[in-house]
């Protein structure tokens, strides 16, 4: 079995955040929870994307709509 933890590998969540930055995303609204935990953590570690996390999807949708206006 090959070793995938070499210096040239990065976690998938970090890759997602890099791609968001490359696409010019500056604001993100989302729901916290186990399924998205790694991406949530990666977003919280960056200063380039302002994040608003809510416990329910409805709250995240309201936050995103308010930001868009």
Protein backbone atom coordinates (compact mmCIF):
# COMPACT_ATOMS: atom_id res chain seq x y z
CA UNK A 1 0.00 0.00 0.00
CA UNK A 2 1.34 3.45 -0.88
CA UNK A 3 1.95 6.19 1.64
CA UNK A 4 -0.48 9.09 0.96
CA UNK A 5 0.70 11.33 3.78
CA UNK A 6 3.71 12.74 1.96
CA UNK A 7 4.59 16.44 1.89
CA UNK A 8 2.70 17.06 -1.37
CA UNK A 9 -0.70 15.97 -0.05
CA UNK A 10 -3.29 18.21 1.58
CA UNK A 11 -6.60 17.37 3.22
CA UNK A 12 -9.63 17.55 0.92
CA UNK A 13 -11.21 20.24 3.10
CA UNK A 14 -8.17 22.49 2.61
CA UNK A 15 -8.43 21.93 -1.14
CA UNK A 16 -12.10 22.98 -1.07
CA UNK A 17 -11.19 26.21 0.74
CA UNK A 18 -8.38 26.93 -1.74
CA UNK A 19 -10.79 26.53 -4.64
CA UNK A 20 -13.34 28.83 -2.97
CA UNK A 21 -10.61 31.47 -2.64
CA UNK A 22 -9.59 31.00 -6.29
CA UNK A 23 -13.18 31.65 -7.32
CA UNK A 24 -13.27 34.87 -5.33
CA UNK A 25 -15.57 33.72 -2.54
CA UNK A 26 -15.36 36.17 0.36
CA UNK A 27 -18.47 35.19 2.37
CA UNK A 28 -19.85 31.75 3.25
CA UNK A 29 -23.00 30.79 5.11
CA UNK A 30 -23.56 27.24 6.25
CA UNK A 31 -24.79 24.74 8.77
CA UNK A 32 -22.50 23.19 11.36
CA UNK A 33 -22.53 19.45 11.86
CA UNK A 34 -20.62 16.21 11.64
CA UNK A 35 -20.89 15.68 7.89
CA UNK A 36 -19.32 19.05 7.05
CA UNK A 37 -17.01 19.28 10.09
CA UNK A 38 -13.68 19.23 8.23
CA UNK A 39 -14.70 21.93 5.75
CA UNK A 40 -16.11 24.04 8.60
CA UNK A 41 -12.78 23.75 10.44
CA UNK A 42 -10.80 24.65 7.30
CA UNK A 43 -13.00 27.70 6.71
CA UNK A 44 -12.54 28.86 10.29
CA UNK A 45 -8.74 28.70 9.87
CA UNK A 46 -8.70 31.12 6.94
CA UNK A 47 -8.87 34.90 7.20
CA UNK A 48 -9.85 35.35 3.55
CA UNK A 49 -13.42 34.05 3.82
CA UNK A 50 -15.86 35.44 6.38
CA UNK A 51 -18.09 32.62 7.63
CA UNK A 52 -21.52 32.62 9.23
CA UNK A 53 -22.50 29.23 10.66
CA UNK A 54 -25.95 28.45 11.95
CA UNK A 55 -27.44 25.36 13.63
CA UNK A 56 -30.26 25.06 11.05
CA UNK A 57 -30.43 25.29 7.26
CA UNK A 58 -33.15 27.94 7.41
CA UNK A 59 -30.88 30.26 9.38
CA UNK A 60 -28.08 29.83 6.86
CA UNK A 61 -30.46 30.56 3.99
CA UNK A 62 -31.69 33.74 5.69
CA UNK A 63 -28.11 34.85 6.35
CA UNK A 64 -27.08 34.23 2.73
CA UNK A 65 -30.11 36.08 1.38
CA UNK A 66 -29.50 39.05 3.69
CA UNK A 67 -25.85 39.21 2.64
CA UNK A 68 -26.84 39.10 -1.05
CA UNK A 69 -29.13 42.11 -0.62
